[in-house]
Amino acid sequence: MQKNRIQHIKADNFSLQHTLECGQFFRVRPADNWYYINSRDRFFKVRQKGDLFEYSGVGSGYIKDFFSLDEPLDEILGSITRDRHIKKAVRLYHGLRIIRQDPWECLVSYLCSSASNIPRIRSCVEGIARRFGERTTLDGIEGRTFPGPHIRLETKALGEMGLGFRARYVREASQRITDAYLDSLRELPYHDAKQLLMQNPGVGDKVADCVLLFSLGFTEAFPVDRWIKRVMEDTYFRGRPTSNKAIHGFAREYFGRYAGYAQEYLYLYSRRKGRRQHGF
């Protein structure tokens, strides 16, 4: 079967829009009623019409794995819907799934996220791909592969892309980390994998949890950034200022095995509400 031919599968309990636009993944752009996606050495396009999911450029196995279509979403959402607050977020954004990203690209993406925002992260990651990746095309549209950790990333060039102080962290990661190292973390308990990741420069609590959740299958990870801190304080701590550590501990215990899914639904809800008070 030719990968560039348009193929389709049934995709129940899935929202492509919420999944791609919730801020967990950065190298995606809409064009001609499709989403064009670059992920490491893959370049493909996807779109959704009801419960029909169309794609081209990769095989069905890759699509199902990338979008976690093998996860029992009803069971997951049932387990995290413990109160009226999360229930509203789930109702509004039902079908959002955790993307299984390439671990190395995911790590670099979230190293670029420190003290940043989504447009800037996207610009930095795309800049790295343009400077160090290889050109690829689909339907006449140009994409770029993402350089692996074996590529020597130059601090000066990274700085010129707008990475600022993050350039050193990305360069050091490219020298210290291998694909095999990242894959080996999957076999460890959550706490051990997180502690190992945090031994790398620039990898703090949030970055480690993002990599664990969005690429290594640790659905119990609960990244805490300013959006999550705000919605958690307003919703579960009666507006009281609360440390990230306390929020993280509460969320993992309260939401359990799929706390990461609760994080994404609450995150999207918080971002869509912006700076207005959370009127759950």
Protein backbone atom coordinates (compact mmCIF):
# COMPACT_ATOMS: atom_id res chain seq x y z
CA MET A 1 0.00 0.00 0.00
CA GLN A 2 1.44 3.35 -0.98
CA LYS A 3 1.93 5.63 1.99
CA ASN A 4 1.23 8.78 0.00
CA ARG A 5 -2.22 7.59 -1.00
CA ILE A 6 -5.05 8.99 1.12
CA GLN A 7 -6.16 6.32 3.58
CA HIS A 8 -8.78 6.35 6.30
CA ILE A 9 -9.74 4.63 9.52
CA LYS A 10 -12.62 4.93 11.95
CA ALA A 11 -11.70 7.02 14.96
CA ASP A 12 -14.35 7.01 17.67
CA ASN A 13 -13.93 9.21 20.75
CA PHE A 14 -11.34 11.35 19.03
CA SER A 15 -11.05 15.06 18.28
CA LEU A 16 -8.17 15.84 15.96
CA GLN A 17 -8.63 19.58 16.46
CA HIS A 18 -8.49 19.48 20.26
CA THR A 19 -5.58 17.04 20.17
CA LEU A 20 -3.44 19.11 17.81
CA GLU A 21 -4.41 22.57 19.08
CA CYS A 22 -4.10 22.03 22.83
CA GLY A 23 -0.41 22.97 22.95
CA GLN A 24 1.21 19.58 23.54
CA PHE A 25 2.81 19.35 20.07
CA PHE A 26 4.43 22.09 18.00
CA ARG A 27 5.37 21.08 14.45
CA VAL A 28 1.94 21.14 12.86
CA ARG A 29 0.36 23.59 10.44
CA PRO A 30 -3.01 23.73 8.68
CA ALA A 31 -3.20 23.96 4.88
CA ASP A 32 -5.92 23.14 2.34
CA ASN A 33 -8.25 21.64 4.99
CA TRP A 34 -5.48 19.33 6.24
CA TYR A 35 -3.06 19.42 9.13
CA TYR A 36 0.51 18.88 7.92
CA ILE A 37 2.69 17.33 10.61
CA ASN A 38 6.46 16.98 10.94
CA SER A 39 7.67 14.54 13.59
CA ARG A 40 11.37 13.60 13.60
CA ASP A 41 11.85 12.01 10.14
CA ARG A 42 8.13 11.78 9.26
CA PHE A 43 6.07 14.24 7.24
CA PHE A 44 2.37 13.47 6.85
CA LYS A 45 -1.06 15.03 6.68
CA VAL A 46 -4.28 14.28 8.57
CA ARG A 47 -7.86 15.48 8.75
CA GLN A 48 -11.10 14.38 10.36
CA LYS A 49 -14.65 14.21 9.03
CA GLY A 50 -16.93 13.04 11.82
CA ASP A 51 -15.59 9.70 13.00
CA LEU A 52 -13.68 9.19 9.73
CA PHE A 53 -9.98 9.92 10.06
CA GLU A 54 -8.02 10.49 6.84
CA TYR A 55 -4.25 10.54 6.49
CA SER A 56 -1.42 10.28 4.01
CA GLY A 57 2.35 9.94 4.23
CA VAL A 58 2.54 7.24 6.92
CA GLY A 59 0.91 3.89 7.65
CA SER A 60 -2.06 3.08 9.86
CA GLY A 61 0.11 1.60 12.61
CA TYR A 62 2.03 4.83 12.96
CA ILE A 63 -1.17 6.90 13.01
CA LYS A 64 -2.79 4.76 15.71
CA ASP A 65 0.32 4.92 17.88
CA PHE A 66 1.03 8.65 17.34
CA PHE A 67 -2.49 9.69 18.31
CA SER A 68 -2.90 7.04 21.05
CA LEU A 69 -5.95 5.64 19.30
CA ASP A 70 -5.38 2.35 21.10
CA GLU A 71 -6.03 3.98 24.50
CA PRO A 72 -9.49 3.31 26.09
CA LEU A 73 -10.56 6.95 26.21
CA ASP A 74 -13.97 6.30 27.81
CA GLU A 75 -12.26 4.42 30.65
CA ILE A 76 -9.61 7.13 31.00
CA LEU A 77 -12.08 9.99 31.11
CA GLY A 78 -14.34 8.06 33.48
CA SER A 79 -11.45 7.63 35.90
CA ILE A 80 -10.49 11.34 35.98
CA THR A 81 -13.99 12.84 35.96
CA ARG A 82 -14.24 13.09 39.72
CA ASP A 83 -16.00 16.43 40.16
CA ARG A 84 -18.05 19.00 38.28
CA HIS A 85 -14.96 21.05 37.39
CA ILE A 86 -13.07 18.43 35.42
CA LYS A 87 -16.40 17.17 34.11
CA LYS A 88 -16.97 20.49 32.35
CA ALA A 89 -13.50 20.49 30.81
CA VAL A 90 -14.01 16.91 29.57
CA ARG A 91 -17.40 17.78 28.11
CA LEU A 92 -16.04 20.81 26.25
CA TYR A 93 -12.96 19.09 24.84
CA HIS A 94 -14.02 15.46 24.63
CA GLY A 95 -11.83 13.45 22.27
CA LEU A 96 -8.55 15.11 23.18
CA ARG A 97 -5.84 12.44 23.33
CA ILE A 98 -2.20 12.47 24.38
CA ILE A 99 0.14 12.44 21.37
CA ARG A 100 3.02 9.97 21.55
CA GLN A 101 5.81 12.17 20.31
CA ASP A 102 9.35 11.24 19.41
CA PRO A 103 11.17 11.46 22.78
CA TRP A 104 14.20 13.39 21.52
CA GLU A 105 12.19 15.98 19.61
CA CYS A 106 9.84 16.25 22.58
CA LEU A 107 12.74 16.90 24.97
CA VAL A 108 14.17 19.64 22.77
CA SER A 109 10.73 21.20 22.32
CA TYR A 110 10.18 21.47 26.05
CA LEU A 111 13.71 22.66 26.73
CA CYS A 112 12.68 25.53 24.44
CA SER A 113 9.54 26.08 26.54
CA SER A 114 11.30 27.50 29.61
CA ALA A 115 10.02 31.05 30.25
CA SER A 116 8.40 31.05 26.81
CA ASN A 117 5.07 30.71 25.00
CA ILE A 118 3.67 28.47 22.28
CA PRO A 119 4.43 30.72 19.26
CA ARG A 120 8.00 31.18 20.42
CA ILE A 121 8.48 27.47 21.15
CA ARG A 122 7.15 26.64 17.69
CA SER A 123 9.50 29.20 16.12
CA CYS A 124 12.52 27.78 17.96
CA VAL A 125 11.74 24.15 17.11
CA GLU A 126 11.05 24.96 13.46
CA GLY A 127 14.25 27.01 13.35
CA ILE A 128 16.28 24.03 14.55
CA ALA A 129 14.66 21.81 11.91
CA ARG A 130 15.33 24.34 9.13
CA ARG A 131 18.96 24.82 10.14
CA PHE A 132 19.94 21.25 10.99
CA GLY A 133 17.26 19.01 9.44
CA GLU A 134 16.75 17.73 5.92
CA ARG A 135 14.20 18.94 3.38
CA THR A 136 11.19 16.77 2.58
CA THR A 137 7.99 17.42 0.61
CA LEU A 138 4.39 16.29 0.55
CA ASP A 139 1.88 17.60 -2.02
CA GLY A 140 4.46 20.19 -3.00
CA ILE A 141 4.56 21.51 0.57
CA GLU A 142 7.99 21.60 2.17
CA GLY A 143 8.74 20.06 5.54
CA ARG A 144 11.89 19.42 7.51
CA THR A 145 13.10 16.42 9.44
CA PHE A 146 14.25 17.02 13.01
CA PRO A 147 17.94 16.42 13.72
CA GLY A 148 18.76 13.55 16.03
CA PRO A 149 20.89 13.81 19.17
CA HIS A 150 23.92 12.67 17.19
CA ILE A 151 23.92 15.98 15.27
CA ARG A 152 26.27 18.62 16.70
CA LEU A 153 24.04 21.58 17.44
CA GLU A 154 26.00 24.83 17.54
CA THR A 155 25.28 27.14 20.47
CA LYS A 156 25.79 30.27 18.36
CA ALA A 157 23.41 29.07 15.64
CA LEU A 158 20.80 28.07 18.24
CA GLY A 159 21.10 31.48 19.87
CA GLU A 160 20.49 33.19 16.54
CA MET A 161 17.21 31.27 16.28
CA GLY A 162 15.91 32.98 19.39
CA LEU A 163 16.64 30.24 21.93
CA GLY A 164 18.53 32.64 24.19
CA PHE A 165 19.70 30.96 27.42
CA ARG A 166 17.97 27.73 26.27
CA ALA A 167 20.57 27.26 23.52
CA ARG A 168 23.12 25.89 25.99
CA TYR A 169 20.64 23.35 27.34
CA VAL A 170 19.73 22.10 23.87
CA ARG A 171 23.37 21.83 22.82
CA GLU A 172 24.35 19.99 26.00
CA ALA A 173 21.41 17.62 25.59
CA SER A 174 22.57 16.78 22.06
CA GLN A 175 25.97 15.84 23.47
CA ARG A 176 24.79 13.89 26.53
CA ILE A 177 21.61 12.13 25.44
CA THR A 178 20.93 9.30 22.99
CA ASP A 179 17.74 7.75 21.67
CA ALA A 180 18.60 4.55 23.52
CA TYR A 181 18.87 6.45 26.81
CA LEU A 182 15.44 8.01 26.37
CA ASP A 183 13.86 4.71 25.34
CA SER A 184 15.34 3.00 28.41
CA LEU A 185 13.38 5.34 30.68
CA ARG A 186 10.15 3.64 29.62
CA GLU A 187 11.13 0.58 31.67
CA LEU A 188 11.57 2.50 34.93
CA PRO A 189 9.04 3.55 37.55
CA TYR A 190 7.78 7.11 37.07
CA HIS A 191 9.77 8.63 39.94
CA ASP A 192 13.06 7.02 38.86
CA ALA A 193 12.63 8.05 35.21
CA LYS A 194 11.88 11.63 36.28
CA GLN A 195 14.91 11.83 38.55
CA LEU A 196 17.20 10.60 35.78
CA LEU A 197 15.82 13.12 33.30
CA MET A 198 16.30 15.93 35.79
CA GLN A 199 20.02 15.21 35.98
CA ASN A 200 20.32 16.90 32.58
CA PRO A 201 20.90 20.68 32.43
CA GLY A 202 17.72 22.67 31.87
CA VAL A 203 15.40 19.78 32.75
CA GLY A 204 13.34 20.76 35.77
CA ASP A 205 10.08 19.36 37.12
CA LYS A 206 7.85 20.69 34.33
CA VAL A 207 10.11 19.77 31.42
CA ALA A 208 10.68 16.27 32.81
CA ASP A 209 6.95 15.69 33.30
CA CYS A 210 6.19 16.95 29.78
CA VAL A 211 8.70 14.53 28.24
CA LEU A 212 7.42 11.64 30.37
CA LEU A 213 3.78 12.36 29.53
CA PHE A 214 3.99 13.36 25.87
CA SER A 215 6.56 10.86 24.61
CA LEU A 216 7.37 8.06 27.05
CA GLY A 217 3.94 6.79 28.08
CA PHE A 218 3.86 7.98 31.71
CA THR A 219 0.21 9.03 31.81
CA GLU A 220 0.46 9.69 35.55
CA ALA A 221 2.82 12.64 34.94
CA PHE A 222 1.23 16.03 35.66
CA PRO A 223 3.24 18.98 34.29
CA VAL A 224 2.63 22.22 36.20
CA ASP A 225 3.06 25.52 34.37
CA ARG A 226 1.44 28.90 34.96
CA TRP A 227 -1.81 27.92 33.24
CA ILE A 228 -2.21 24.74 35.27
CA LYS A 229 -1.11 26.49 38.47
CA ARG A 230 -3.81 29.11 37.96
CA VAL A 231 -6.65 26.73 37.20
CA MET A 232 -5.66 24.33 39.99
CA GLU A 233 -5.42 27.11 42.58
CA ASP A 234 -8.74 28.60 41.54
CA THR A 235 -10.54 25.27 41.33
CA TYR A 236 -9.04 22.96 43.95
CA PHE A 237 -7.31 25.28 46.44
CA ARG A 238 -10.02 27.95 46.83
CA GLY A 239 -7.86 30.59 45.21
CA ARG A 240 -4.99 30.18 47.68
CA PRO A 241 -1.43 30.53 46.37
CA THR A 242 -0.06 26.99 46.25
CA SER A 243 3.38 25.64 45.38
CA ASN A 244 3.89 23.69 42.19
CA LYS A 245 5.06 20.74 44.29
CA ALA A 246 1.83 20.70 46.31
CA ILE A 247 -0.29 21.00 43.15
CA HIS A 248 1.62 18.17 41.51
CA GLY A 249 1.27 15.91 44.53
CA PHE A 250 -2.44 16.59 44.90
CA ALA A 251 -3.15 16.02 41.21
CA ARG A 252 -1.31 12.71 40.99
CA GLU A 253 -3.11 11.38 44.04
CA TYR A 254 -6.52 12.81 43.10
CA PHE A 255 -6.60 11.90 39.40
CA GLY A 256 -4.47 8.77 39.65
CA ARG A 257 -3.03 6.76 36.78
CA TYR A 258 -4.31 9.13 34.10
CA ALA A 259 -3.52 12.43 35.82
CA GLY A 260 -1.78 13.54 32.61
CA TYR A 261 -5.06 13.41 30.73
CA ALA A 262 -6.70 15.56 33.41
CA GLN A 263 -3.82 17.99 33.01
CA GLU A 264 -4.39 18.38 29.28
CA TYR A 265 -8.15 18.91 29.60
CA LEU A 266 -7.64 21.46 32.37
CA TYR A 267 -4.78 23.08 30.45
CA LEU A 268 -6.87 23.58 27.32
CA TYR A 269 -9.76 24.87 29.40
CA SER A 270 -7.48 27.30 31.20
CA ARG A 271 -5.90 28.62 28.00
CA ARG A 272 -9.24 29.08 26.27
CA LYS A 273 -10.53 31.03 29.26
CA GLY A 274 -7.41 33.17 29.16
CA ARG A 275 -6.95 35.51 32.06
CA ARG A 276 -10.63 35.62 32.96
CA GLN A 277 -11.69 33.95 36.18
CA HIS A 278 -12.49 30.25 35.77
CA GLY A 279 -16.25 30.03 35.80
CA PHE A 280 -16.69 26.28 36.02
